[in-house]
Amino acid sequence: GGLADKVLDRRLNARKVCMNPISRFIYLKMNYRVEQHMLPMVS
């Protein structure tokens, strides 16, 4: 949300957000959004 679109650099259109342990459990560590988009096959 709010980030650049129509770009080919994933660092410009995704963000990593630090979360507490409960939020990370609910979100299953999807807060590591830039990293997950760079290597989608990483667990």
All heavy atoms as atom14 arrays in JSON, in Angstrom:
{
  "sequence": "GGLADKVLDRRLNARKVCMNPISRFIYLKMNYRVEQHMLPMVS",
  "atom14_mask": [
    [1, 1, 1, 1, 0, 0, 0, 0, 0, 0, 0, 0, 0, 0],
    [1, 1, 1, 1, 0, 0, 0, 0, 0, 0, 0, 0, 0, 0],
    [1, 1, 1, 1, 1, 1, 1, 1, 0, 0, 0, 0, 0, 0],
    [1, 1, 1, 1, 1, 0, 0, 0, 0, 0, 0, 0, 0, 0],
    [1, 1, 1, 1, 1, 1, 1, 1, 0, 0, 0, 0, 0, 0],
    [1, 1, 1, 1, 1, 1, 1, 1, 1, 0, 0, 0, 0, 0],
    [1, 1, 1, 1, 1, 1, 1, 0, 0, 0, 0, 0, 0, 0],
    [1, 1, 1, 1, 1, 1, 1, 1, 0, 0, 0, 0, 0, 0],
    [1, 1, 1, 1, 1, 1, 1, 1, 0, 0, 0, 0, 0, 0],
    [1, 1, 1, 1, 1, 1, 1, 1, 1, 1, 1, 0, 0, 0],
    [1, 1, 1, 1, 1, 1, 1, 1, 1, 1, 1, 0, 0, 0],
    [1, 1, 1, 1, 1, 1, 1, 1, 0, 0, 0, 0, 0, 0],
    [1, 1, 1, 1, 1, 1, 1, 1, 0, 0, 0, 0, 0, 0],
    [1, 1, 1, 1, 1, 0, 0, 0, 0, 0, 0, 0, 0, 0],
    [1, 1, 1, 1, 1, 1, 1, 1, 1, 1, 1, 0, 0, 0],
    [1, 1, 1, 1, 1, 1, 1, 1, 1, 0, 0, 0, 0, 0],
    [1, 1, 1, 1, 1, 1, 1, 0, 0, 0, 0, 0, 0, 0],
    [1, 1, 1, 1, 1, 1, 0, 0, 0, 0, 0, 0, 0, 0],
    [1, 1, 1, 1, 1, 1, 1, 1, 0, 0, 0, 0, 0, 0],
    [1, 1, 1, 1, 1, 1, 1, 1, 0, 0, 0, 0, 0, 0],
    [1, 1, 1, 1, 1, 1, 1, 0, 0, 0, 0, 0, 0, 0],
    [1, 1, 1, 1, 1, 1, 1, 1, 0, 0, 0, 0, 0, 0],
    [1, 1, 1, 1, 1, 1, 0, 0, 0, 0, 0, 0, 0, 0],
    [1, 1, 1, 1, 1, 1, 1, 1, 1, 1, 1, 0, 0, 0],
    [1, 1, 1, 1, 1, 1, 1, 1, 1, 1, 1, 0, 0, 0],
    [1, 1, 1, 1, 1, 1, 1, 1, 0, 0, 0, 0, 0, 0],
    [1, 1, 1, 1, 1, 1, 1, 1, 1, 1, 1, 1, 0, 0],
    [1, 1, 1, 1, 1, 1, 1, 1, 0, 0, 0, 0, 0, 0],
    [1, 1, 1, 1, 1, 1, 1, 1, 1, 0, 0, 0, 0, 0],
    [1, 1, 1, 1, 1, 1, 1, 1, 0, 0, 0, 0, 0, 0],
    [1, 1, 1, 1, 1, 1, 1, 1, 0, 0, 0, 0, 0, 0],
    [1, 1, 1, 1, 1, 1, 1, 1, 1, 1, 1, 1, 0, 0],
    [1, 1, 1, 1, 1, 1, 1, 1, 1, 1, 1, 0, 0, 0],
    [1, 1, 1, 1, 1, 1, 1, 0, 0, 0, 0, 0, 0, 0],
    [1, 1, 1, 1, 1, 1, 1, 1, 1, 0, 0, 0, 0, 0],
    [1, 1, 1, 1, 1, 1, 1, 1, 1, 0, 0, 0, 0, 0],
    [1, 1, 1, 1, 1, 1, 1, 1, 1, 1, 0, 0, 0, 0],
    [1, 1, 1, 1, 1, 1, 1, 1, 0, 0, 0, 0, 0, 0],
    [1, 1, 1, 1, 1, 1, 1, 1, 0, 0, 0, 0, 0, 0],
    [1, 1, 1, 1, 1, 1, 1, 0, 0, 0, 0, 0, 0, 0],
    [1, 1, 1, 1, 1, 1, 1, 1, 0, 0, 0, 0, 0, 0],
    [1, 1, 1, 1, 1, 1, 1, 0, 0, 0, 0, 0, 0, 0],
    [1, 1, 1, 1, 1, 1, 0, 0, 0, 0, 0, 0, 0, 0]
  ],
  "atom14_positions": [
    [[0.79, -1.22, 0.0], [0.0, 0.0, 0.0], [0.83, 1.27, 0.0], [1.73, 1.45, 0.82], [0.0, 0.0, 0.0], [0.0, 0.0, 0.0], [0.0, 0.0, 0.0], [0.0, 0.0, 0.0], [0.0, 0.0, 0.0], [0.0, 0.0, 0.0], [0.0, 0.0, 0.0], [0.0, 0.0, 0.0], [0.0, 0.0, 0.0], [0.0, 0.0, 0.0]],
    [[0.52, 2.18, -0.93], [1.18, 3.47, -1.01], [2.51, 3.45, -1.72], [3.09, 4.52, -1.98], [0.0, 0.0, 0.0], [0.0, 0.0, 0.0], [0.0, 0.0, 0.0], [0.0, 0.0, 0.0], [0.0, 0.0, 0.0], [0.0, 0.0, 0.0], [0.0, 0.0, 0.0], [0.0, 0.0, 0.0], [0.0, 0.0, 0.0], [0.0, 0.0, 0.0]],
    [[3.02, 2.27, -2.05], [4.35, 2.18, -2.66], [4.25, 2.32, -4.19], [3.17, 2.33, -4.76], [5.01, 0.86, -2.27], [5.19, 0.65, -0.76], [5.84, -0.7, -0.49], [6.02, 1.77, -0.15], [0.0, 0.0, 0.0], [0.0, 0.0, 0.0], [0.0, 0.0, 0.0], [0.0, 0.0, 0.0], [0.0, 0.0, 0.0], [0.0, 0.0, 0.0]],
    [[5.41, 2.4, -4.82], [5.46, 2.61, -6.26], [4.87, 1.41, -7.0], [4.97, 0.27, -6.56], [6.9, 2.84, -6.71], [0.0, 0.0, 0.0], [0.0, 0.0, 0.0], [0.0, 0.0, 0.0], [0.0, 0.0, 0.0], [0.0, 0.0, 0.0], [0.0, 0.0, 0.0], [0.0, 0.0, 0.0], [0.0, 0.0, 0.0], [0.0, 0.0, 0.0]],
    [[4.23, 1.7, -8.13], [3.77, 0.61, -9.0], [4.49, 0.74, -10.33], [5.28, 1.66, -10.56], [2.25, 0.63, -9.17], [1.74, 1.95, -9.73], [2.56, 2.8, -10.1], [0.5, 2.13, -9.82], [0.0, 0.0, 0.0], [0.0, 0.0, 0.0], [0.0, 0.0, 0.0], [0.0, 0.0, 0.0], [0.0, 0.0, 0.0], [0.0, 0.0, 0.0]],
    [[4.27, -0.23, -11.21], [4.93, -0.25, -12.52], [6.45, -0.16, -12.4], [7.09, 0.63, -13.1], [4.38, 0.86, -13.42], [2.91, 0.7, -13.74], [2.47, 1.61, -14.88], [2.57, 3.06, -14.53], [2.01, 3.95, -15.57], [0.0, 0.0, 0.0], [0.0, 0.0, 0.0], [0.0, 0.0, 0.0], [0.0, 0.0, 0.0], [0.0, 0.0, 0.0]],
    [[7.01, -0.91, -11.46], [8.46, -0.95, -11.3], [8.93, -2.4, -11.28], [8.15, -3.31, -10.99], [8.91, -0.24, -9.99], [8.61, 1.23, -10.05], [8.27, -0.88, -8.78], [0.0, 0.0, 0.0], [0.0, 0.0, 0.0], [0.0, 0.0, 0.0], [0.0, 0.0, 0.0], [0.0, 0.0, 0.0], [0.0, 0.0, 0.0], [0.0, 0.0, 0.0]],
    [[10.19, -2.61, -11.59], [10.75, -3.95, -11.65], [11.7, -4.24, -10.49], [12.35, -5.27, -10.47], [11.48, -4.16, -12.98], [10.58, -4.07, -14.22], [11.38, -4.29, -15.48], [9.43, -5.05, -14.13], [0.0, 0.0, 0.0], [0.0, 0.0, 0.0], [0.0, 0.0, 0.0], [0.0, 0.0, 0.0], [0.0, 0.0, 0.0], [0.0, 0.0, 0.0]],
    [[11.77, -3.33, -9.54], [12.6, -3.52, -8.35], [11.66, -3.76, -7.18], [10.93, -2.87, -6.75], [13.46, -2.29, -8.11], [14.52, -2.53, -7.05], [14.29, -3.38, -6.17], [15.57, -1.87, -7.11], [0.0, 0.0, 0.0], [0.0, 0.0, 0.0], [0.0, 0.0, 0.0], [0.0, 0.0, 0.0], [0.0, 0.0, 0.0], [0.0, 0.0, 0.0]],
    [[11.67, -4.96, -6.64], [10.72, -5.33, -5.6], [10.9, -4.53, -4.31], [10.0, -4.48, -3.49], [10.82, -6.83, -5.32], [10.56, -7.69, -6.55], [10.68, -9.16, -6.24], [10.68, -9.97, -7.44], [9.6, -10.35, -8.11], [8.41, -9.97, -7.7], [9.71, -11.11, -9.19], [0.0, 0.0, 0.0], [0.0, 0.0, 0.0], [0.0, 0.0, 0.0]],
    [[12.05, -3.92, -4.14], [12.27, -3.1, -2.94], [11.45, -1.82, -2.98], [11.25, -1.18, -1.95], [13.76, -2.76, -2.82], [14.66, -3.97, -2.63], [16.1, -3.64, -2.89], [16.28, -3.18, -4.26], [17.43, -2.72, -4.74], [18.49, -2.65, -3.93], [17.54, -2.33, -5.99], [0.0, 0.0, 0.0], [0.0, 0.0, 0.0], [0.0, 0.0, 0.0]],
    [[10.97, -1.44, -4.16], [10.22, -0.21, -4.31], [8.72, -0.41, -4.18], [7.98, 0.57, -4.01], [10.53, 0.44, -5.68], [12.0, 0.72, -5.97], [12.15, 1.32, -7.36], [12.58, 1.66, -4.92], [0.0, 0.0, 0.0], [0.0, 0.0, 0.0], [0.0, 0.0, 0.0], [0.0, 0.0, 0.0], [0.0, 0.0, 0.0], [0.0, 0.0, 0.0]],
    [[8.24, -1.65, -4.3], [6.78, -1.85, -4.24], [6.35, -2.85, -3.18], [5.22, -3.34, -3.2], [6.24, -2.26, -5.61], [6.71, -3.63, -6.07], [7.37, -4.35, -5.34], [6.36, -3.99, -7.29], [0.0, 0.0, 0.0], [0.0, 0.0, 0.0], [0.0, 0.0, 0.0], [0.0, 0.0, 0.0], [0.0, 0.0, 0.0], [0.0, 0.0, 0.0]],
    [[7.23, -3.19, -2.23], [6.87, -4.06, -1.11], [7.64, -3.6, 0.12], [8.72, -3.02, 0.0], [7.2, -5.52, -1.43], [0.0, 0.0, 0.0], [0.0, 0.0, 0.0], [0.0, 0.0, 0.0], [0.0, 0.0, 0.0], [0.0, 0.0, 0.0], [0.0, 0.0, 0.0], [0.0, 0.0, 0.0], [0.0, 0.0, 0.0], [0.0, 0.0, 0.0]],
    [[7.06, -3.85, 1.3], [7.73, -3.4, 2.52], [7.8, -4.52, 3.55], [6.91, -5.39, 3.62], [7.04, -2.18, 3.13], [5.61, -2.37, 3.5], [5.09, -1.26, 4.43], [5.18, 0.08, 3.92], [4.25, 0.67, 3.16], [3.17, 0.0, 2.81], [4.39, 1.91, 2.75], [0.0, 0.0, 0.0], [0.0, 0.0, 0.0], [0.0, 0.0, 0.0]],
    [[8.86, -4.49, 4.33], [8.98, -5.38, 5.47], [8.58, -4.62, 6.72], [9.02, -3.49, 6.95], [10.41, -5.9, 5.62], [10.54, -6.96, 6.72], [11.5, -6.56, 7.78], [11.47, -7.56, 8.92], [12.65, -7.47, 9.78], [0.0, 0.0, 0.0], [0.0, 0.0, 0.0], [0.0, 0.0, 0.0], [0.0, 0.0, 0.0], [0.0, 0.0, 0.0]],
    [[7.7, -5.22, 7.53], [7.19, -4.59, 8.75], [7.52, -5.5, 9.93], [7.18, -6.69, 9.92], [5.67, -4.36, 8.68], [5.18, -3.65, 9.93], [5.3, -3.56, 7.43], [0.0, 0.0, 0.0], [0.0, 0.0, 0.0], [0.0, 0.0, 0.0], [0.0, 0.0, 0.0], [0.0, 0.0, 0.0], [0.0, 0.0, 0.0], [0.0, 0.0, 0.0]],
    [[8.18, -4.96, 10.94], [8.47, -5.74, 12.15], [7.19, -5.94, 12.94], [6.41, -4.99, 13.12], [9.52, -5.03, 13.0], [11.11, -4.82, 12.18], [0.0, 0.0, 0.0], [0.0, 0.0, 0.0], [0.0, 0.0, 0.0], [0.0, 0.0, 0.0], [0.0, 0.0, 0.0], [0.0, 0.0, 0.0], [0.0, 0.0, 0.0], [0.0, 0.0, 0.0]],
    [[6.95, -7.15, 13.42], [5.74, -7.47, 14.18], [6.09, -8.26, 15.43], [7.14, -8.91, 15.49], [4.76, -8.28, 13.32], [4.18, -7.53, 12.14], [2.97, -8.55, 11.24], [2.43, -7.39, 9.99], [0.0, 0.0, 0.0], [0.0, 0.0, 0.0], [0.0, 0.0, 0.0], [0.0, 0.0, 0.0], [0.0, 0.0, 0.0], [0.0, 0.0, 0.0]],
    [[5.17, -8.24, 16.4], [5.37, -9.0, 17.62], [5.11, -10.49, 17.35], [4.56, -10.85, 16.3], [4.47, -8.47, 18.74], [2.99, -8.6, 18.41], [2.49, -9.68, 18.11], [2.28, -7.48, 18.45], [0.0, 0.0, 0.0], [0.0, 0.0, 0.0], [0.0, 0.0, 0.0], [0.0, 0.0, 0.0], [0.0, 0.0, 0.0], [0.0, 0.0, 0.0]],
    [[5.49, -11.38, 18.28], [5.37, -12.83, 18.03], [3.96, -13.29, 17.72], [3.77, -14.17, 16.86], [5.89, -13.45, 19.33], [6.83, -12.44, 19.89], [6.22, -11.11, 19.54], [0.0, 0.0, 0.0], [0.0, 0.0, 0.0], [0.0, 0.0, 0.0], [0.0, 0.0, 0.0], [0.0, 0.0, 0.0], [0.0, 0.0, 0.0], [0.0, 0.0, 0.0]],
    [[2.94, -12.73, 18.38], [1.56, -13.15, 18.12], [1.15, -12.76, 16.71], [0.55, -13.55, 15.98], [0.6, -12.53, 19.16], [0.9, -13.1, 20.54], [-0.85, -12.81, 18.78], [0.07, -12.49, 21.66], [0.0, 0.0, 0.0], [0.0, 0.0, 0.0], [0.0, 0.0, 0.0], [0.0, 0.0, 0.0], [0.0, 0.0, 0.0], [0.0, 0.0, 0.0]],
    [[1.5, -11.54, 16.31], [1.18, -11.09, 14.95], [1.92, -11.92, 13.91], [1.37, -12.25, 12.85], [1.52, -9.61, 14.78], [0.65, -8.8, 15.56], [0.0, 0.0, 0.0], [0.0, 0.0, 0.0], [0.0, 0.0, 0.0], [0.0, 0.0, 0.0], [0.0, 0.0, 0.0], [0.0, 0.0, 0.0], [0.0, 0.0, 0.0], [0.0, 0.0, 0.0]],
    [[3.17, -12.28, 14.21], [3.92, -13.1, 13.25], [3.3, -14.49, 13.12], [3.3, -15.08, 12.05], [5.39, -13.21, 13.68], [6.16, -11.92, 13.52], [7.68, -12.19, 13.49], [8.15, -12.86, 14.7], [8.54, -12.22, 15.81], [8.51, -10.9, 15.86], [8.97, -12.9, 16.85], [0.0, 0.0, 0.0], [0.0, 0.0, 0.0], [0.0, 0.0, 0.0]],
    [[2.75, -15.02, 14.23], [2.08, -16.31, 14.16], [0.83, -16.22, 13.31], [0.58, -17.07, 12.44], [1.72, -16.79, 15.57], [0.79, -17.98, 15.58], [1.25, -19.24, 15.25], [-0.55, -17.82, 15.9], [0.4, -20.34, 15.25], [-1.41, -18.91, 15.9], [-0.93, -20.17, 15.57], [0.0, 0.0, 0.0], [0.0, 0.0, 0.0], [0.0, 0.0, 0.0]],
    [[0.01, -15.2, 13.54], [-1.21, -15.02, 12.75], [-0.86, -14.82, 11.28], [-1.49, -15.39, 10.39], [-2.03, -13.83, 13.28], [-2.54, -14.13, 14.69], [-3.19, -13.5, 12.34], [-3.17, -12.93, 15.37], [0.0, 0.0, 0.0], [0.0, 0.0, 0.0], [0.0, 0.0, 0.0], [0.0, 0.0, 0.0], [0.0, 0.0, 0.0], [0.0, 0.0, 0.0]],
    [[0.18, -14.05, 11.04], [0.56, -13.66, 9.69], [1.55, -14.62, 9.04], [1.89, -14.47, 7.88], [1.14, -12.25, 9.74], [0.93, -11.43, 8.5], [-0.24, -11.54, 7.74], [1.9, -10.54, 8.08], [-0.43, -10.79, 6.61], [1.71, -9.77, 6.94], [0.55, -9.9, 6.21], [0.37, -9.14, 5.08], [0.0, 0.0, 0.0], [0.0, 0.0, 0.0]],
    [[2.02, -15.6, 9.79], [2.93, -16.63, 9.31], [4.16, -16.02, 8.63], [4.59, -16.45, 7.56], [2.21, -17.6, 8.36], [2.77, -19.03, 8.29], [2.7, -19.7, 9.66], [2.02, -19.86, 7.27], [0.0, 0.0, 0.0], [0.0, 0.0, 0.0], [0.0, 0.0, 0.0], [0.0, 0.0, 0.0], [0.0, 0.0, 0.0], [0.0, 0.0, 0.0]],
    [[4.68, -14.97, 9.28], [5.91, -14.29, 8.82], [5.77, -13.66, 7.44], [6.77, -13.36, 6.78], [7.1, -15.24, 8.85], [7.42, -15.81, 10.24], [8.67, -16.67, 10.18], [8.99, -17.26, 11.56], [8.02, -18.25, 11.99], [0.0, 0.0, 0.0], [0.0, 0.0, 0.0], [0.0, 0.0, 0.0], [0.0, 0.0, 0.0], [0.0, 0.0, 0.0]],
    [[4.55, -13.41, 6.99], [4.37, -12.72, 5.72], [4.75, -11.24, 5.8], [4.71, -10.53, 4.79], [2.93, -12.86, 5.23], [2.63, -14.21, 4.62], [0.88, -14.4, 4.19], [0.65, -13.05, 3.05], [0.0, 0.0, 0.0], [0.0, 0.0, 0.0], [0.0, 0.0, 0.0], [0.0, 0.0, 0.0], [0.0, 0.0, 0.0], [0.0, 0.0, 0.0]],
    [[5.1, -10.78, 7.0], [5.57, -9.4, 7.13], [6.93, -9.19, 6.46], [7.34, -8.06, 6.2], [5.65, -8.99, 8.6], [6.45, -9.96, 9.45], [6.13, -11.15, 9.49], [7.47, -9.48, 10.13], [0.0, 0.0, 0.0], [0.0, 0.0, 0.0], [0.0, 0.0, 0.0], [0.0, 0.0, 0.0], [0.0, 0.0, 0.0], [0.0, 0.0, 0.0]],
    [[7.63, -10.3, 6.16], [8.88, -10.22, 5.39], [8.52, -10.18, 3.9], [8.84, -11.08, 3.13], [9.76, -11.43, 5.69], [10.32, -11.47, 7.08], [9.63, -12.11, 8.11], [11.54, -10.88, 7.38], [10.14, -12.16, 9.4], [12.06, -10.92, 8.66], [11.36, -11.56, 9.67], [11.87, -11.61, 10.94], [0.0, 0.0, 0.0], [0.0, 0.0, 0.0]],
    [[7.87, -9.1, 3.48], [7.26, -9.09, 2.16], [8.27, -8.9, 1.03], [8.16, -9.52, -0.03], [6.2, -7.98, 2.09], [5.14, -8.28, 1.05], [4.3, -9.43, 1.51], [3.43, -9.92, 0.44], [3.36, -11.17, 0.06], [4.1, -12.07, 0.64], [2.54, -11.55, -0.89], [0.0, 0.0, 0.0], [0.0, 0.0, 0.0], [0.0, 0.0, 0.0]],
    [[9.24, -8.02, 1.22], [10.24, -7.81, 0.17], [11.01, -9.1, -0.06], [11.21, -9.54, -1.2], [11.21, -6.68, 0.56], [12.2, -6.42, -0.58], [10.45, -5.41, 0.9], [0.0, 0.0, 0.0], [0.0, 0.0, 0.0], [0.0, 0.0, 0.0], [0.0, 0.0, 0.0], [0.0, 0.0, 0.0], [0.0, 0.0, 0.0], [0.0, 0.0, 0.0]],
    [[11.43, -9.73, 1.03], [12.22, -10.94, 0.94], [11.44, -12.06, 0.25], [11.97, -12.79, -0.58], [12.66, -11.39, 2.34], [13.55, -10.41, 3.07], [12.79, -9.31, 3.81], [11.57, -9.16, 3.57], [13.42, -8.6, 4.6], [0.0, 0.0, 0.0], [0.0, 0.0, 0.0], [0.0, 0.0, 0.0], [0.0, 0.0, 0.0], [0.0, 0.0, 0.0]],
    [[10.15, -12.18, 0.61], [9.34, -13.25, 0.06], [9.11, -13.05, -1.44], [9.07, -14.02, -2.21], [8.0, -13.32, 0.8], [7.31, -14.68, 0.75], [6.51, -14.86, -0.54], [6.06, -13.9, -1.13], [6.35, -16.1, -0.96], [0.0, 0.0, 0.0], [0.0, 0.0, 0.0], [0.0, 0.0, 0.0], [0.0, 0.0, 0.0], [0.0, 0.0, 0.0]],
    [[8.99, -11.8, -1.87], [8.8, -11.55, -3.3], [10.1, -11.8, -4.08], [10.06, -12.19, -5.24], [8.33, -10.12, -3.53], [6.84, -10.01, -3.6], [6.15, -10.19, -4.77], [5.91, -9.76, -2.65], [4.85, -10.05, -4.54], [4.68, -9.79, -3.27], [0.0, 0.0, 0.0], [0.0, 0.0, 0.0], [0.0, 0.0, 0.0], [0.0, 0.0, 0.0]],
    [[11.24, -11.56, -3.45], [12.5, -11.8, -4.14], [12.74, -13.28, -4.35], [13.2, -13.7, -5.42], [13.66, -11.2, -3.34], [13.86, -9.73, -3.56], [15.51, -9.25, -3.02], [15.42, -7.48, -3.26], [0.0, 0.0, 0.0], [0.0, 0.0, 0.0], [0.0, 0.0, 0.0], [0.0, 0.0, 0.0], [0.0, 0.0, 0.0], [0.0, 0.0, 0.0]],
    [[12.46, -14.09, -3.32], [12.66, -15.54, -3.43], [11.39, -16.25, -2.95], [11.3, -16.68, -1.8], [13.86, -15.98, -2.59], [15.25, -15.78, -3.19], [16.32, -16.23, -2.21], [15.4, -16.53, -4.5], [0.0, 0.0, 0.0], [0.0, 0.0, 0.0], [0.0, 0.0, 0.0], [0.0, 0.0, 0.0], [0.0, 0.0, 0.0], [0.0, 0.0, 0.0]],
    [[10.37, -16.36, -3.82], [9.09, -16.94, -3.4], [9.16, -18.4, -3.01], [8.24, -18.91, -2.38], [8.19, -16.74, -4.63], [9.13, -16.55, -5.77], [10.33, -15.89, -5.21], [0.0, 0.0, 0.0], [0.0, 0.0, 0.0], [0.0, 0.0, 0.0], [0.0, 0.0, 0.0], [0.0, 0.0, 0.0], [0.0, 0.0, 0.0], [0.0, 0.0, 0.0]],
    [[10.23, -19.1, -3.36], [10.34, -20.51, -3.01], [10.99, -20.74, -1.65], [11.17, -21.88, -1.23], [11.14, -21.27, -4.08], [10.47, -21.28, -5.44], [8.71, -21.75, -5.37], [8.85, -23.45, -4.83], [0.0, 0.0, 0.0], [0.0, 0.0, 0.0], [0.0, 0.0, 0.0], [0.0, 0.0, 0.0], [0.0, 0.0, 0.0], [0.0, 0.0, 0.0]],
    [[11.31, -19.66, -0.94], [11.86, -19.79, 0.41], [10.72, -20.01, 1.39], [9.71, -19.3, 1.37], [12.67, -18.53, 0.79], [13.06, -18.56, 2.26], [13.9, -18.41, -0.08], [0.0, 0.0, 0.0], [0.0, 0.0, 0.0], [0.0, 0.0, 0.0], [0.0, 0.0, 0.0], [0.0, 0.0, 0.0], [0.0, 0.0, 0.0], [0.0, 0.0, 0.0]],
    [[10.87, -20.99, 2.26], [9.86, -21.27, 3.27], [9.69, -20.08, 4.2], [10.64, -19.34, 4.48], [10.24, -22.51, 4.08], [9.45, -22.63, 5.23], [0.0, 0.0, 0.0], [0.0, 0.0, 0.0], [0.0, 0.0, 0.0], [0.0, 0.0, 0.0], [0.0, 0.0, 0.0], [0.0, 0.0, 0.0], [0.0, 0.0, 0.0], [0.0, 0.0, 0.0]]
  ]
}
